[in-house]
């Protein structure tokens, strides 16, 4: 429940706060740079830096085998996220 609220309520609020800091011309340059870096990390820009997205096929153009492989990748990512959530929930009893 807390994790869900953090994602549905907290994340947008946090993003807005970071965005305001980034846009605030009176904020210290280091604060603005930190805010800009956080926005880039949140958007995934750094993970794809130097990669060309043009190689990424749209699902509508994939073969069945390609779709099955992509679905399996997604399942693995979801399983890893579920494991993280299950492990961290023990911290709060």
PDB file of N, CA and C in Angstrom:
ATOM      1  N   UNK A   1       0.828  -1.193   0.000  1.00  0.00           N
ATOM      2  CA  UNK A   1       0.000   0.000   0.000  1.00  0.00           C
ATOM      3  C   UNK A   1       0.874   1.260   0.000  1.00  0.00           C
ATOM      4  N   UNK A   2       1.901   1.279   0.861  1.00  0.00           N
ATOM      5  CA  UNK A   2       2.787   2.446   0.921  1.00  0.00           C
ATOM      6  C   UNK A   2       3.551   2.601  -0.387  1.00  0.00           C
ATOM      7  N   UNK A   3       4.062   1.481  -0.891  1.00  0.00           N
ATOM      8  CA  UNK A   3       4.813   1.534  -2.148  1.00  0.00           C
ATOM      9  C   UNK A   3       3.915   2.032  -3.282  1.00  0.00           C
ATOM     10  N   UNK A   4       2.693   1.589  -3.300  1.00  0.00           N
ATOM     11  CA  UNK A   4       1.753   2.031  -4.333  1.00  0.00           C
ATOM     12  C   UNK A   4       1.484   3.523  -4.244  1.00  0.00           C
ATOM     13  N   UNK A   5       1.266   4.012  -3.035  1.00  0.00           N
ATOM     14  CA  UNK A   5       1.033   5.455  -2.853  1.00  0.00           C
ATOM     15  C   UNK A   5       2.273   6.255  -3.217  1.00  0.00           C
ATOM     16  N   UNK A   6       3.449   5.698  -2.883  1.00  0.00           N
ATOM     17  CA  UNK A   6       4.689   6.396  -3.223  1.00  0.00           C
ATOM     18  C   UNK A   6       4.799   6.570  -4.725  1.00  0.00           C
ATOM     19  N   UNK A   7       4.379   5.556  -5.459  1.00  0.00           N
ATOM     20  CA  UNK A   7       4.469   5.634  -6.924  1.00  0.00           C
ATOM     21  C   UNK A   7       3.362   6.487  -7.520  1.00  0.00           C
ATOM     22  N   UNK A   8       2.131   6.350  -7.002  1.00  0.00           N
ATOM     23  CA  UNK A   8       1.009   7.067  -7.612  1.00  0.00           C
ATOM     24  C   UNK A   8       0.888   8.504  -7.148  1.00  0.00           C
ATOM     25  N   UNK A   9       1.236   8.775  -5.894  1.00  0.00           N
ATOM     26  CA  UNK A   9       1.130  10.130  -5.362  1.00  0.00           C
ATOM     27  C   UNK A   9       2.484  10.792  -5.181  1.00  0.00           C
ATOM     28  N   UNK A  10       3.418  10.049  -4.624  1.00  0.00           N
ATOM     29  CA  UNK A  10       4.710  10.629  -4.281  1.00  0.00           C
ATOM     30  C   UNK A  10       5.589  10.936  -5.470  1.00  0.00           C
ATOM     31  N   UNK A  11       5.642  10.015  -6.415  1.00  0.00           N
ATOM     32  CA  UNK A  11       6.531  10.215  -7.554  1.00  0.00           C
ATOM     33  C   UNK A  11       6.153  11.451  -8.365  1.00  0.00           C
ATOM     34  N   UNK A  12       4.876  11.657  -8.697  1.00  0.00           N
ATOM     35  CA  UNK A  12       4.548  12.892  -9.422  1.00  0.00           C
ATOM     36  C   UNK A  12       4.858  14.154  -8.605  1.00  0.00           C
ATOM     37  N   UNK A  13       4.613  14.099  -7.293  1.00  0.00           N
ATOM     38  CA  UNK A  13       4.906  15.263  -6.450  1.00  0.00           C
ATOM     39  C   UNK A  13       6.413  15.518  -6.401  1.00  0.00           C
ATOM     40  N   UNK A  14       7.182  14.450  -6.262  1.00  0.00           N
ATOM     41  CA  UNK A  14       8.640  14.587  -6.238  1.00  0.00           C
ATOM     42  C   UNK A  14       9.141  15.139  -7.563  1.00  0.00           C
ATOM     43  N   UNK A  15       8.592  14.642  -8.654  1.00  0.00           N
ATOM     44  CA  UNK A  15       9.008  15.130  -9.968  1.00  0.00           C
ATOM     45  C   UNK A  15       8.713  16.619 -10.106  1.00  0.00           C
ATOM     46  N   UNK A  16       7.540  17.043  -9.672  1.00  0.00           N
ATOM     47  CA  UNK A  16       7.185  18.464  -9.767  1.00  0.00           C
ATOM     48  C   UNK A  16       8.148  19.319  -8.946  1.00  0.00           C
ATOM     49  N   UNK A  17       8.513  18.842  -7.747  1.00  0.00           N
ATOM     50  CA  UNK A  17       9.456  19.584  -6.912  1.00  0.00           C
ATOM     51  C   UNK A  17      10.819  19.688  -7.587  1.00  0.00           C
ATOM     52  N   UNK A  18      11.268  18.594  -8.175  1.00  0.00           N
ATOM     53  CA  UNK A  18      12.558  18.601  -8.862  1.00  0.00           C
ATOM     54  C   UNK A  18      12.503  19.507 -10.079  1.00  0.00           C
ATOM     55  N   UNK A  19      11.400  19.454 -10.805  1.00  0.00           N
ATOM     56  CA  UNK A  19      11.237  20.290 -11.988  1.00  0.00           C
ATOM     57  C   UNK A  19      11.242  21.767 -11.618  1.00  0.00           C
ATOM     58  N   UNK A  20      10.561  22.113 -10.512  1.00  0.00           N
ATOM     59  CA  UNK A  20      10.552  23.513 -10.061  1.00  0.00           C
ATOM     60  C   UNK A  20      11.959  23.973  -9.681  1.00  0.00           C
ATOM     61  N   UNK A  21      12.717  23.097  -9.041  1.00  0.00           N
ATOM     62  CA  UNK A  21      14.096  23.442  -8.686  1.00  0.00           C
ATOM     63  C   UNK A  21      14.925  23.686  -9.941  1.00  0.00           C
ATOM     64  N   UNK A  22      14.720  22.833 -10.928  1.00  0.00           N
ATOM     65  CA  UNK A  22      15.472  22.956 -12.180  1.00  0.00           C
ATOM     66  C   UNK A  22      15.151  24.279 -12.887  1.00  0.00           C
ATOM     67  N   UNK A  23      13.906  24.700 -12.811  1.00  0.00           N
ATOM     68  CA  UNK A  23      13.474  25.925 -13.487  1.00  0.00           C
ATOM     69  C   UNK A  23      13.737  27.199 -12.679  1.00  0.00           C
ATOM     70  N   UNK A  24      14.010  27.049 -11.393  1.00  0.00           N
ATOM     71  CA  UNK A  24      14.180  28.195 -10.509  1.00  0.00           C
ATOM     72  C   UNK A  24      15.519  28.881 -10.764  1.00  0.00           C
ATOM     73  N   UNK A  25      15.476  30.042 -11.365  1.00  0.00           N
ATOM     74  CA  UNK A  25      16.702  30.767 -11.691  1.00  0.00           C
ATOM     75  C   UNK A  25      17.413  31.299 -10.449  1.00  0.00           C
ATOM     76  N   UNK A  26      16.706  31.353  -9.317  1.00  0.00           N
ATOM     77  CA  UNK A  26      17.316  31.830  -8.076  1.00  0.00           C
ATOM     78  C   UNK A  26      17.983  30.695  -7.296  1.00  0.00           C
ATOM     79  N   UNK A  27      17.735  29.463  -7.700  1.00  0.00           N
ATOM     80  CA  UNK A  27      18.376  28.318  -7.028  1.00  0.00           C
ATOM     81  C   UNK A  27      19.858  28.301  -7.371  1.00  0.00           C
ATOM     82  N   UNK A  28      20.650  27.748  -6.450  1.00  0.00           N
ATOM     83  CA  UNK A  28      22.088  27.644  -6.711  1.00  0.00           C
ATOM     84  C   UNK A  28      22.322  26.760  -7.937  1.00  0.00           C
ATOM     85  N   UNK A  29      23.348  27.056  -8.709  1.00  0.00           N
ATOM     86  CA  UNK A  29      23.635  26.248  -9.901  1.00  0.00           C
ATOM     87  C   UNK A  29      23.785  24.759  -9.587  1.00  0.00           C
ATOM     88  N   UNK A  30      24.404  24.425  -8.458  1.00  0.00           N
ATOM     89  CA  UNK A  30      24.573  23.012  -8.106  1.00  0.00           C
ATOM     90  C   UNK A  30      23.229  22.339  -7.873  1.00  0.00           C
ATOM     91  N   UNK A  31      22.286  23.050  -7.263  1.00  0.00           N
ATOM     92  CA  UNK A  31      20.945  22.499  -7.042  1.00  0.00           C
ATOM     93  C   UNK A  31      20.230  22.273  -8.365  1.00  0.00           C
ATOM     94  N   UNK A  32      20.362  23.237  -9.264  1.00  0.00           N
ATOM     95  CA  UNK A  32      19.712  23.110 -10.573  1.00  0.00           C
ATOM     96  C   UNK A  32      20.319  21.962 -11.368  1.00  0.00           C
ATOM     97  N   UNK A  33      21.634  21.817 -11.287  1.00  0.00           N
ATOM     98  CA  UNK A  33      22.300  20.723 -11.989  1.00  0.00           C
ATOM     99  C   UNK A  33      21.882  19.375 -11.411  1.00  0.00           C
ATOM    100  N   UNK A  34      21.813  19.275 -10.090  1.00  0.00           N
ATOM    101  CA  UNK A  34      21.347  18.032  -9.458  1.00  0.00           C
ATOM    102  C   UNK A  34      19.926  17.703  -9.900  1.00  0.00           C
ATOM    103  N   UNK A  35      19.074  18.723  -9.954  1.00  0.00           N
ATOM    104  CA  UNK A  35      17.693  18.512 -10.383  1.00  0.00           C
ATOM    105  C   UNK A  35      17.637  18.040 -11.842  1.00  0.00           C
ATOM    106  N   UNK A  36      18.439  18.661 -12.682  1.00  0.00           N
ATOM    107  CA  UNK A  36      18.467  18.265 -14.094  1.00  0.00           C
ATOM    108  C   UNK A  36      18.961  16.823 -14.244  1.00  0.00           C
ATOM    109  N   UNK A  37      19.995  16.466 -13.479  1.00  0.00           N
ATOM    110  CA  UNK A  37      20.503  15.089 -13.533  1.00  0.00           C
ATOM    111  C   UNK A  37      19.449  14.099 -13.060  1.00  0.00           C
ATOM    112  N   UNK A  38      18.713  14.437 -12.004  1.00  0.00           N
ATOM    113  CA  UNK A  38      17.681  13.544 -11.501  1.00  0.00           C
ATOM    114  C   UNK A  38      16.575  13.357 -12.533  1.00  0.00           C
ATOM    115  N   UNK A  39      16.185  14.433 -13.195  1.00  0.00           N
ATOM    116  CA  UNK A  39      15.160  14.327 -14.240  1.00  0.00           C
ATOM    117  C   UNK A  39      15.657  13.425 -15.365  1.00  0.00           C
ATOM    118  N   UNK A  40      16.912  13.571 -15.746  1.00  0.00           N
ATOM    119  CA  UNK A  40      17.467  12.705 -16.794  1.00  0.00           C
ATOM    120  C   UNK A  40      17.485  11.247 -16.360  1.00  0.00           C
ATOM    121  N   UNK A  41      17.843  10.994 -15.094  1.00  0.00           N
ATOM    122  CA  UNK A  41      17.838   9.614 -14.595  1.00  0.00           C
ATOM    123  C   UNK A  41      16.425   9.053 -14.563  1.00  0.00           C
ATOM    124  N   UNK A  42      15.480   9.863 -14.109  1.00  0.00           N
ATOM    125  CA  UNK A  42      14.085   9.408 -14.033  1.00  0.00           C
ATOM    126  C   UNK A  42      13.535   9.073 -15.424  1.00  0.00           C
ATOM    127  N   UNK A  43      13.959   9.818 -16.420  1.00  0.00           N
ATOM    128  CA  UNK A  43      13.444   9.606 -17.771  1.00  0.00           C
ATOM    129  C   UNK A  43      14.142   8.464 -18.492  1.00  0.00           C
ATOM    130  N   UNK A  44      15.268   7.998 -17.944  1.00  0.00           N
ATOM    131  CA  UNK A  44      15.985   6.896 -18.574  1.00  0.00           C
ATOM    132  C   UNK A  44      16.953   7.334 -19.651  1.00  0.00           C
ATOM    133  N   UNK A  45      17.184   8.613 -19.751  1.00  0.00           N
ATOM    134  CA  UNK A  45      18.079   9.128 -20.794  1.00  0.00           C
ATOM    135  C   UNK A  45      19.482   8.555 -20.658  1.00  0.00           C
ATOM    136  N   UNK A  46      19.984   8.459 -19.418  1.00  0.00           N
ATOM    137  CA  UNK A  46      21.350   7.982 -19.229  1.00  0.00           C
ATOM    138  C   UNK A  46      21.508   6.515 -19.613  1.00  0.00           C
ATOM    139  N   UNK A  47      20.475   5.710 -19.375  1.00  0.00           N
ATOM    140  CA  UNK A  47      20.568   4.290 -19.714  1.00  0.00           C
ATOM    141  C   UNK A  47      20.697   4.083 -21.220  1.00  0.00           C
ATOM    142  N   UNK A  48      20.087   4.969 -21.978  1.00  0.00           N
ATOM    143  CA  UNK A  48      20.123   4.837 -23.429  1.00  0.00           C
ATOM    144  C   UNK A  48      21.129   5.740 -24.098  1.00  0.00           C
ATOM    145  N   UNK A  49      21.989   6.378 -23.311  1.00  0.00           N
ATOM    146  CA  UNK A  49      22.959   7.312 -23.876  1.00  0.00           C
ATOM    147  C   UNK A  49      23.846   6.600 -24.889  1.00  0.00           C
ATOM    148  N   UNK A  50      23.962   7.192 -26.051  1.00  0.00           N
ATOM    149  CA  UNK A  50      24.820   6.638 -27.087  1.00  0.00           C
ATOM    150  C   UNK A  50      24.159   5.534 -27.898  1.00  0.00           C
ATOM    151  N   UNK A  51      22.951   5.153 -27.510  1.00  0.00           N
ATOM    152  CA  UNK A  51      22.263   4.112 -28.272  1.00  0.00           C
ATOM    153  C   UNK A  51      21.337   4.756 -29.281  1.00  0.00           C
ATOM    154  N   UNK A  52      21.145   4.074 -30.357  1.00  0.00           N
ATOM    155  CA  UNK A  52      20.250   4.553 -31.397  1.00  0.00           C
ATOM    156  C   UNK A  52      18.924   3.823 -31.268  1.00  0.00           C
ATOM    157  N   UNK A  53      17.869   4.553 -30.943  1.00  0.00           N
ATOM    158  CA  UNK A  53      16.548   3.950 -30.772  1.00  0.00           C
ATOM    159  C   UNK A  53      15.924   3.507 -32.097  1.00  0.00           C
ATOM    160  N   UNK A  54      16.523   3.868 -33.195  1.00  0.00           N
ATOM    161  CA  UNK A  54      15.925   3.506 -34.477  1.00  0.00           C
ATOM    162  C   UNK A  54      15.967   2.000 -34.712  1.00  0.00           C
ATOM    163  N   UNK A  55      16.836   1.276 -33.976  1.00  0.00           N
ATOM    164  CA  UNK A  55      16.888  -0.180 -34.105  1.00  0.00           C
ATOM    165  C   UNK A  55      15.731  -0.857 -33.385  1.00  0.00           C
ATOM    166  N   UNK A  56      15.049  -0.148 -32.524  1.00  0.00           N
ATOM    167  CA  UNK A  56      13.945  -0.702 -31.752  1.00  0.00           C
ATOM    168  C   UNK A  56      12.713  -0.837 -32.646  1.00  0.00           C
ATOM    169  N   UNK A  57      12.244  -2.068 -32.770  1.00  0.00           N
ATOM    170  CA  UNK A  57      11.078  -2.318 -33.610  1.00  0.00           C
ATOM    171  C   UNK A  57       9.804  -2.073 -32.823  1.00  0.00           C
ATOM    172  N   UNK A  58       8.814  -1.559 -33.486  1.00  0.00           N
ATOM    173  CA  UNK A  58       7.491  -1.414 -32.882  1.00  0.00           C
ATOM    174  C   UNK A  58       6.865  -2.800 -32.771  1.00  0.00           C
ATOM    175  N   UNK A  59       6.138  -3.066 -31.691  1.00  0.00           N
ATOM    176  CA  UNK A  59       5.517  -4.390 -31.545  1.00  0.00           C
ATOM    177  C   UNK A  59       4.654  -4.786 -32.747  1.00  0.00           C
ATOM    178  N   UNK A  60       4.036  -3.824 -33.374  1.00  0.00           N
ATOM    179  CA  UNK A  60       3.172  -4.144 -34.517  1.00  0.00           C
ATOM    180  C   UNK A  60       3.955  -4.660 -35.718  1.00  0.00           C
ATOM    181  N   UNK A  61       5.274  -4.472 -35.723  1.00  0.00           N
ATOM    182  CA  UNK A  61       6.090  -4.935 -36.846  1.00  0.00           C
ATOM    183  C   UNK A  61       6.879  -6.200 -36.510  1.00  0.00           C
ATOM    184  N   UNK A  62       6.727  -6.704 -35.277  1.00  0.00           N
ATOM    185  CA  UNK A  62       7.493  -7.875 -34.841  1.00  0.00           C
ATOM    186  C   UNK A  62       6.814  -9.175 -35.246  1.00  0.00           C
ATOM    187  N   UNK A  63       7.663 -10.174 -35.419  1.00  0.00           N
ATOM    188  CA  UNK A  63       7.143 -11.516 -35.660  1.00  0.00           C
ATOM    189  C   UNK A  63       6.659 -12.086 -34.333  1.00  0.00           C
ATOM    190  N   UNK A  64       5.959 -13.191 -34.395  1.00  0.00           N
ATOM    191  CA  UNK A  64       5.475 -13.835 -33.177  1.00  0.00           C
ATOM    192  C   UNK A  64       6.661 -14.206 -32.275  1.00  0.00           C
ATOM    193  N   UNK A  65       7.713 -14.743 -32.860  1.00  0.00           N
ATOM    194  CA  UNK A  65       8.885 -15.139 -32.078  1.00  0.00           C
ATOM    195  C   UNK A  65       9.521 -13.931 -31.378  1.00  0.00           C
ATOM    196  N   UNK A  66       9.590 -12.807 -32.073  1.00  0.00           N
ATOM    197  CA  UNK A  66      10.146 -11.604 -31.472  1.00  0.00           C
ATOM    198  C   UNK A  66       9.272 -11.106 -30.317  1.00  0.00           C
ATOM    199  N   UNK A  67       7.952 -11.173 -30.505  1.00  0.00           N
ATOM    200  CA  UNK A  67       7.035 -10.763 -29.449  1.00  0.00           C
ATOM    201  C   UNK A  67       7.147 -11.665 -28.224  1.00  0.00           C
ATOM    202  N   UNK A  68       7.282 -12.974 -28.457  1.00  0.00           N
ATOM    203  CA  UNK A  68       7.434 -13.916 -27.351  1.00  0.00           C
ATOM    204  C   UNK A  68       8.724 -13.606 -26.579  1.00  0.00           C
ATOM    205  N   UNK A  69       9.806 -13.347 -27.296  1.00  0.00           N
ATOM    206  CA  UNK A  69      11.083 -13.027 -26.649  1.00  0.00           C
ATOM    207  C   UNK A  69      10.972 -11.729 -25.852  1.00  0.00           C
ATOM    208  N   UNK A  70      10.329 -10.725 -26.408  1.00  0.00           N
ATOM    209  CA  UNK A  70      10.160  -9.441 -25.718  1.00  0.00           C
ATOM    210  C   UNK A  70       9.283  -9.620 -24.482  1.00  0.00           C
ATOM    211  N   UNK A  71       8.236 -10.434 -24.591  1.00  0.00           N
ATOM    212  CA  UNK A  71       7.361 -10.696 -23.449  1.00  0.00           C
ATOM    213  C   UNK A  71       8.133 -11.394 -22.333  1.00  0.00           C
ATOM    214  N   UNK A  72       9.007 -12.316 -22.685  1.00  0.00           N
ATOM    215  CA  UNK A  72       9.804 -13.010 -21.672  1.00  0.00           C
ATOM    216  C   UNK A  72      10.744 -12.038 -20.967  1.00  0.00           C
ATOM    217  N   UNK A  73      11.329 -11.124 -21.721  1.00  0.00           N
ATOM    218  CA  UNK A  73      12.188 -10.105 -21.105  1.00  0.00           C
ATOM    219  C   UNK A  73      11.387  -9.275 -20.109  1.00  0.00           C
ATOM    220  N   UNK A  74      10.178  -8.905 -20.491  1.00  0.00           N
ATOM    221  CA  UNK A  74       9.329  -8.110 -19.605  1.00  0.00           C
ATOM    222  C   UNK A  74       8.977  -8.903 -18.347  1.00  0.00           C
ATOM    223  N   UNK A  75       8.686 -10.201 -18.490  1.00  0.00           N
ATOM    224  CA  UNK A  75       8.374 -11.037 -17.330  1.00  0.00           C
ATOM    225  C   UNK A  75       9.554 -11.102 -16.367  1.00  0.00           C
ATOM    226  N   UNK A  76      10.752 -11.196 -16.911  1.00  0.00           N
ATOM    227  CA  UNK A  76      11.941 -11.249 -16.064  1.00  0.00           C
ATOM    228  C   UNK A  76      12.138  -9.947 -15.295  1.00  0.00           C
ATOM    229  N   UNK A  77      11.912  -8.835 -15.960  1.00  0.00           N
ATOM    230  CA  UNK A  77      12.042  -7.541 -15.295  1.00  0.00           C
ATOM    231  C   UNK A  77      10.986  -7.416 -14.191  1.00  0.00           C
ATOM    232  N   UNK A  78       9.755  -7.819 -14.494  1.00  0.00           N
ATOM    233  CA  UNK A  78       8.685  -7.765 -13.494  1.00  0.00           C
ATOM    234  C   UNK A  78       8.988  -8.680 -12.312  1.00  0.00           C
ATOM    235  N   UNK A  79       9.514  -9.857 -12.570  1.00  0.00           N
ATOM    236  CA  UNK A  79       9.862 -10.784 -11.493  1.00  0.00           C
ATOM    237  C   UNK A  79      10.939 -10.183 -10.592  1.00  0.00           C
ATOM    238  N   UNK A  80      11.915  -9.522 -11.196  1.00  0.00           N
ATOM    239  CA  UNK A  80      12.969  -8.888 -10.406  1.00  0.00           C
ATOM    240  C   UNK A  80      12.395  -7.768  -9.548  1.00  0.00           C
ATOM    241  N   UNK A  81      11.474  -6.994 -10.104  1.00  0.00           N
ATOM    242  CA  UNK A  81      10.841  -5.929  -9.333  1.00  0.00           C
ATOM    243  C   UNK A  81      10.008  -6.507  -8.190  1.00  0.00           C
ATOM    244  N   UNK A  82       9.300  -7.604  -8.451  1.00  0.00           N
ATOM    245  CA  UNK A  82       8.506  -8.256  -7.408  1.00  0.00           C
ATOM    246  C   UNK A  82       9.399  -8.773  -6.294  1.00  0.00           C
ATOM    247  N   UNK A  83      10.560  -9.334  -6.649  1.00  0.00           N
ATOM    248  CA  UNK A  83      11.499  -9.824  -5.641  1.00  0.00           C
ATOM    249  C   UNK A  83      11.998  -8.671  -4.776  1.00  0.00           C
ATOM    250  N   UNK A  84      12.283  -7.531  -5.398  1.00  0.00           N
ATOM    251  CA  UNK A  84      12.719  -6.357  -4.645  1.00  0.00           C
ATOM    252  C   UNK A  84      11.625  -5.926  -3.677  1.00  0.00           C
ATOM    253  N   UNK A  85      10.387  -5.892  -4.169  1.00  0.00           N
ATOM    254  CA  UNK A  85       9.270  -5.461  -3.333  1.00  0.00           C
ATOM    255  C   UNK A  85       9.050  -6.434  -2.186  1.00  0.00           C
ATOM    256  N   UNK A  86       9.138  -7.720  -2.444  1.00  0.00           N
ATOM    257  CA  UNK A  86       8.946  -8.724  -1.391  1.00  0.00           C
ATOM    258  C   UNK A  86      10.051  -8.627  -0.359  1.00  0.00           C
ATOM    259  N   UNK A  87      11.271  -8.426  -0.781  1.00  0.00           N
ATOM    260  CA  UNK A  87      12.393  -8.331   0.142  1.00  0.00           C
ATOM    261  C   UNK A  87      12.344  -7.091   1.007  1.00  0.00           C
ATOM    262  N   UNK A  88      11.934  -5.967   0.423  1.00  0.00           N
ATOM    263  CA  UNK A  88      11.926  -4.729   1.186  1.00  0.00           C
ATOM    264  C   UNK A  88      10.736  -4.645   2.131  1.00  0.00           C
ATOM    265  N   UNK A  89       9.659  -5.390   1.851  1.00  0.00           N
ATOM    266  CA  UNK A  89       8.494  -5.328   2.721  1.00  0.00           C
ATOM    267  C   UNK A  89       8.789  -5.932   4.093  1.00  0.00           C
ATOM    268  N   UNK A  90       9.802  -6.800   4.192  1.00  0.00           N
ATOM    269  CA  UNK A  90      10.159  -7.388   5.480  1.00  0.00           C
ATOM    270  C   UNK A  90      10.735  -6.353   6.433  1.00  0.00           C
ATOM    271  N   UNK A  91      11.245  -5.261   5.905  1.00  0.00           N
ATOM    272  CA  UNK A  91      11.815  -4.221   6.745  1.00  0.00           C
ATOM    273  C   UNK A  91      10.763  -3.584   7.659  1.00  0.00           C
ATOM    274  N   UNK A  92       9.531  -3.557   7.170  1.00  0.00           N
ATOM    275  CA  UNK A  92       8.465  -2.891   7.907  1.00  0.00           C
ATOM    276  C   UNK A  92       7.556  -3.868   8.633  1.00  0.00           C
ATOM    277  N   UNK A  93       7.929  -5.144   8.634  1.00  0.00           N
ATOM    278  CA  UNK A  93       7.201  -6.154   9.386  1.00  0.00           C
ATOM    279  C   UNK A  93       6.047  -6.655   8.655  1.00  0.00           C
TER     280      UNK A  93
END
